Each structure stands twice: as C-alpha cells, then as structure tokens.
C-alpha cells in the first residue's frame, strides 16, 4: 500500500509543471507600443485574437484585431500568437505564445508564453491574461 501511494505521488510530481515565460528583445521599449493590431492565426477556429485585443484594450492600449491582409493604417505594433490544443478527457489549450512585433520591419519587440499541462489546465482567457501580465508587467 505504501509503495503504491509513493508511486502515485511520484507520478503526480513528474506529470509536468506549468510555466510562464517572457522574452524582451535588446534595446526595445514597451512604453511606446502605440496602436496595436492582433493578427488572427489562420489555424485558430476559436478567434483568440478577439480575446487578446479585448484584454489589451482593458489595459489601456489601443488594440483591434482581424486578418493579416486587413491591417489598418496607423498601426505601430503587430501582435501575433500561436495556440496549441490537446486532448486529455476533454480538449484544452496546452500553450499559447504571444509576440509583439514592429509593424514596419516585423522585428520582435517582446514575447510571452504560457504552458499548462493537463493537471494544471486553465481556460484560454486565463492563459492569455497571464501571458500578457508577464510580458507587459
């Protein structure tokens, strides 16, 4: 019985840990992001670009979203993302990476990634919020 309990605890411990990371390109200033446009990731059928744009707007940024070919004039920063989903008793978002890029030359300004395995899963809204919290702190 004790061996089984120990084995179960070990399996839970190595099942995976959530992670939240951010990267900032050298000599880049997040204070001057200006107007942002969140580009829809073509494989995303849930339209997470809308959630990202809404979250940025709630934080006081000017943000809109849509398809890449519809980027409006006057946008300073492009926000792109890639989401990965998996199945474990139900479909859930495994990770999301959000990047902030200069509109003119597409160079990276900053990026953040939230990763949550099955036992620590959260909804897309929460993972987007925590990723933006980490990058825009």
C-alpha atoms as a PDB file:
ATOM      1  CA  UNK A   1       0.000   0.000   0.000  1.00  0.00           C
ATOM      2  CA  UNK A   2       2.790   2.440   0.910  1.00  0.00           C
ATOM      3  CA  UNK A   3       4.621   1.588  -2.318  1.00  0.00           C
ATOM      4  CA  UNK A   4       1.508   2.339  -4.359  1.00  0.00           C
ATOM      5  CA  UNK A   5       0.969   5.658  -2.600  1.00  0.00           C
ATOM      6  CA  UNK A   6       4.617   6.592  -3.126  1.00  0.00           C
ATOM      7  CA  UNK A   7       4.378   5.625  -6.809  1.00  0.00           C
ATOM      8  CA  UNK A   8       1.241   7.707  -7.287  1.00  0.00           C
ATOM      9  CA  UNK A   9       2.863  10.736  -5.627  1.00  0.00           C
ATOM     10  CA  UNK A  10       5.928  10.362  -7.852  1.00  0.00           C
ATOM     11  CA  UNK A  11       3.775  10.207 -10.973  1.00  0.00           C
ATOM     12  CA  UNK A  12       1.872  13.315  -9.953  1.00  0.00           C
ATOM     13  CA  UNK A  13       5.147  15.137  -9.249  1.00  0.00           C
ATOM     14  CA  UNK A  14       6.606  14.361 -12.669  1.00  0.00           C
ATOM     15  CA  UNK A  15       3.353  14.891 -14.587  1.00  0.00           C
ATOM     16  CA  UNK A  16       4.576  18.309 -15.618  1.00  0.00           C
ATOM     17  CA  UNK A  17       4.755  21.811 -14.365  1.00  0.00           C
ATOM     18  CA  UNK A  18       3.112  24.897 -15.716  1.00  0.00           C
ATOM     19  CA  UNK A  19       5.449  27.587 -16.978  1.00  0.00           C
ATOM     20  CA  UNK A  20       5.152  31.238 -17.834  1.00  0.00           C
ATOM     21  CA  UNK A  21       7.988  32.949 -19.681  1.00  0.00           C
ATOM     22  CA  UNK A  22       8.729  36.300 -21.295  1.00  0.00           C
ATOM     23  CA  UNK A  23      11.433  37.477 -23.664  1.00  0.00           C
ATOM     24  CA  UNK A  24      12.390  41.060 -24.412  1.00  0.00           C
ATOM     25  CA  UNK A  25      14.468  41.985 -27.442  1.00  0.00           C
ATOM     26  CA  UNK A  26      17.523  44.083 -26.586  1.00  0.00           C
ATOM     27  CA  UNK A  27      17.121  47.859 -26.877  1.00  0.00           C
ATOM     28  CA  UNK A  28      13.340  47.677 -27.177  1.00  0.00           C
ATOM     29  CA  UNK A  29      10.937  49.828 -25.186  1.00  0.00           C
ATOM     30  CA  UNK A  30       7.498  48.511 -24.274  1.00  0.00           C
ATOM     31  CA  UNK A  31       6.338  52.010 -23.322  1.00  0.00           C
ATOM     32  CA  UNK A  32       5.982  53.044 -26.968  1.00  0.00           C
ATOM     33  CA  UNK A  33       3.928  50.204 -28.438  1.00  0.00           C
ATOM     34  CA  UNK A  34       1.333  52.641 -29.756  1.00  0.00           C
ATOM     35  CA  UNK A  35      -1.679  51.309 -31.618  1.00  0.00           C
ATOM     36  CA  UNK A  36      -1.784  47.508 -31.877  1.00  0.00           C
ATOM     37  CA  UNK A  37      -3.364  45.043 -34.265  1.00  0.00           C
ATOM     38  CA  UNK A  38      -3.804  41.408 -33.236  1.00  0.00           C
ATOM     39  CA  UNK A  39      -3.436  39.209 -36.312  1.00  0.00           C
ATOM     40  CA  UNK A  40      -5.734  36.185 -36.479  1.00  0.00           C
ATOM     41  CA  UNK A  41      -3.739  32.911 -36.501  1.00  0.00           C
ATOM     42  CA  UNK A  42      -5.207  31.036 -39.514  1.00  0.00           C
ATOM     43  CA  UNK A  43      -5.438  27.669 -37.718  1.00  0.00           C
ATOM     44  CA  UNK A  44      -7.336  29.222 -34.787  1.00  0.00           C
ATOM     45  CA  UNK A  45     -11.042  28.426 -35.102  1.00  0.00           C
ATOM     46  CA  UNK A  46     -11.845  29.991 -31.708  1.00  0.00           C
ATOM     47  CA  UNK A  47     -10.794  33.535 -32.728  1.00  0.00           C
ATOM     48  CA  UNK A  48      -8.486  34.128 -29.776  1.00  0.00           C
ATOM     49  CA  UNK A  49      -7.307  37.343 -31.459  1.00  0.00           C
ATOM     50  CA  UNK A  50     -10.516  38.974 -30.224  1.00  0.00           C
ATOM     51  CA  UNK A  51      -9.827  37.936 -26.626  1.00  0.00           C
ATOM     52  CA  UNK A  52      -6.244  39.223 -26.865  1.00  0.00           C
ATOM     53  CA  UNK A  53      -7.380  42.560 -28.351  1.00  0.00           C
ATOM     54  CA  UNK A  54     -10.081  42.941 -25.671  1.00  0.00           C
ATOM     55  CA  UNK A  55      -7.556  42.206 -22.916  1.00  0.00           C
ATOM     56  CA  UNK A  56      -5.125  44.782 -24.339  1.00  0.00           C
ATOM     57  CA  UNK A  57      -7.940  47.355 -24.571  1.00  0.00           C
ATOM     58  CA  UNK A  58      -8.896  46.726 -20.938  1.00  0.00           C
ATOM     59  CA  UNK A  59      -5.283  47.522 -20.031  1.00  0.00           C
ATOM     60  CA  UNK A  60      -5.495  50.908 -21.740  1.00  0.00           C
ATOM     61  CA  UNK A  61      -3.891  50.067 -25.092  1.00  0.00           C
ATOM     62  CA  UNK A  62      -5.483  50.852 -28.460  1.00  0.00           C
ATOM     63  CA  UNK A  63      -5.970  47.396 -29.965  1.00  0.00           C
ATOM     64  CA  UNK A  64      -8.016  45.962 -32.798  1.00  0.00           C
ATOM     65  CA  UNK A  65      -7.943  42.548 -34.436  1.00  0.00           C
ATOM     66  CA  UNK A  66      -8.574  40.765 -37.700  1.00  0.00           C
ATOM     67  CA  UNK A  67      -6.948  39.073 -40.661  1.00  0.00           C
ATOM     68  CA  UNK A  68      -3.388  39.841 -41.747  1.00  0.00           C
ATOM     69  CA  UNK A  69      -4.465  41.331 -45.073  1.00  0.00           C
ATOM     70  CA  UNK A  70      -6.742  43.814 -43.242  1.00  0.00           C
ATOM     71  CA  UNK A  71      -4.130  45.612 -41.108  1.00  0.00           C
ATOM     72  CA  UNK A  72      -5.267  49.247 -40.892  1.00  0.00           C
ATOM     73  CA  UNK A  73      -3.038  52.268 -41.453  1.00  0.00           C
ATOM     74  CA  UNK A  74      -1.590  53.850 -38.336  1.00  0.00           C
ATOM     75  CA  UNK A  75      -0.868  50.605 -36.507  1.00  0.00           C
ATOM     76  CA  UNK A  76       2.533  50.606 -34.770  1.00  0.00           C
ATOM     77  CA  UNK A  77       2.702  47.112 -33.314  1.00  0.00           C
ATOM     78  CA  UNK A  78       1.569  43.769 -34.681  1.00  0.00           C
ATOM     79  CA  UNK A  79       0.550  41.169 -32.117  1.00  0.00           C
ATOM     80  CA  UNK A  80       0.714  37.569 -33.287  1.00  0.00           C
ATOM     81  CA  UNK A  81       0.016  34.340 -31.445  1.00  0.00           C
ATOM     82  CA  UNK A  82       0.183  30.596 -31.811  1.00  0.00           C
ATOM     83  CA  UNK A  83      -2.039  28.344 -29.731  1.00  0.00           C
ATOM     84  CA  UNK A  84      -1.708  24.583 -29.275  1.00  0.00           C
ATOM     85  CA  UNK A  85      -4.547  22.384 -28.103  1.00  0.00           C
ATOM     86  CA  UNK A  86      -4.562  18.778 -26.983  1.00  0.00           C
ATOM     87  CA  UNK A  87      -6.904  16.113 -25.696  1.00  0.00           C
ATOM     88  CA  UNK A  88      -6.969  14.622 -22.197  1.00  0.00           C
ATOM     89  CA  UNK A  89     -10.528  13.661 -21.249  1.00  0.00           C
ATOM     90  CA  UNK A  90     -11.502  16.929 -22.978  1.00  0.00           C
ATOM     91  CA  UNK A  91      -9.956  19.354 -25.425  1.00  0.00           C
ATOM     92  CA  UNK A  92      -7.874  22.071 -23.749  1.00  0.00           C
ATOM     93  CA  UNK A  93      -5.273  24.687 -24.628  1.00  0.00           C
ATOM     94  CA  UNK A  94      -1.816  23.343 -23.837  1.00  0.00           C
ATOM     95  CA  UNK A  95       0.055  26.564 -24.576  1.00  0.00           C
ATOM     96  CA  UNK A  96      -0.114  29.956 -26.190  1.00  0.00           C
ATOM     97  CA  UNK A  97       2.722  32.180 -27.343  1.00  0.00           C
ATOM     98  CA  UNK A  98       2.056  35.875 -27.948  1.00  0.00           C
ATOM     99  CA  UNK A  99       4.541  38.070 -29.825  1.00  0.00           C
ATOM    100  CA  UNK A 100       4.750  41.835 -30.194  1.00  0.00           C
ATOM    101  CA  UNK A 101       6.412  42.928 -33.452  1.00  0.00           C
ATOM    102  CA  UNK A 102       7.300  46.229 -35.060  1.00  0.00           C
ATOM    103  CA  UNK A 103       4.881  46.806 -37.898  1.00  0.00           C
ATOM    104  CA  UNK A 104       7.459  48.258 -40.287  1.00  0.00           C
ATOM    105  CA  UNK A 105      10.176  45.610 -40.219  1.00  0.00           C
ATOM    106  CA  UNK A 106       8.365  42.802 -38.315  1.00  0.00           C
ATOM    107  CA  UNK A 107      11.226  42.678 -35.793  1.00  0.00           C
ATOM    108  CA  UNK A 108      10.450  41.141 -32.415  1.00  0.00           C
ATOM    109  CA  UNK A 109       9.876  43.529 -29.528  1.00  0.00           C
ATOM    110  CA  UNK A 110       8.784  41.042 -26.862  1.00  0.00           C
ATOM    111  CA  UNK A 111       7.084  37.684 -26.474  1.00  0.00           C
ATOM    112  CA  UNK A 112       5.491  35.597 -23.786  1.00  0.00           C
ATOM    113  CA  UNK A 113       4.389  32.010 -23.438  1.00  0.00           C
ATOM    114  CA  UNK A 114       2.035  30.214 -21.086  1.00  0.00           C
ATOM    115  CA  UNK A 115       2.248  26.421 -20.871  1.00  0.00           C
ATOM    116  CA  UNK A 116      -0.140  24.341 -18.779  1.00  0.00           C
ATOM    117  CA  UNK A 117      -0.244  20.540 -18.838  1.00  0.00           C
ATOM    118  CA  UNK A 118      -3.434  18.622 -18.169  1.00  0.00           C
ATOM    119  CA  UNK A 119      -3.397  18.697 -14.374  1.00  0.00           C
ATOM    120  CA  UNK A 120      -2.864  22.467 -14.329  1.00  0.00           C
ATOM    121  CA  UNK A 121      -5.048  23.451 -17.266  1.00  0.00           C
ATOM    122  CA  UNK A 122      -6.835  26.773 -17.405  1.00  0.00           C
ATOM    123  CA  UNK A 123      -9.145  28.349 -19.945  1.00  0.00           C
ATOM    124  CA  UNK A 124      -7.868  30.431 -22.869  1.00  0.00           C
ATOM    125  CA  UNK A 125      -8.938  33.706 -21.213  1.00  0.00           C
ATOM    126  CA  UNK A 126      -6.806  32.972 -18.153  1.00  0.00           C
ATOM    127  CA  UNK A 127      -3.783  31.845 -20.173  1.00  0.00           C
ATOM    128  CA  UNK A 128      -3.955  34.943 -22.387  1.00  0.00           C
ATOM    129  CA  UNK A 129      -4.278  37.201 -19.341  1.00  0.00           C
ATOM    130  CA  UNK A 130      -1.351  35.620 -17.505  1.00  0.00           C
ATOM    131  CA  UNK A 131       0.834  35.784 -20.631  1.00  0.00           C
ATOM    132  CA  UNK A 132       0.073  39.477 -21.134  1.00  0.00           C
ATOM    133  CA  UNK A 133       0.633  40.081 -17.392  1.00  0.00           C
ATOM    134  CA  UNK A 134       4.105  38.566 -17.716  1.00  0.00           C
ATOM    135  CA  UNK A 135       5.096  40.478 -20.865  1.00  0.00           C
ATOM    136  CA  UNK A 136       3.560  43.855 -20.035  1.00  0.00           C
ATOM    137  CA  UNK A 137       4.439  43.970 -16.320  1.00  0.00           C
END
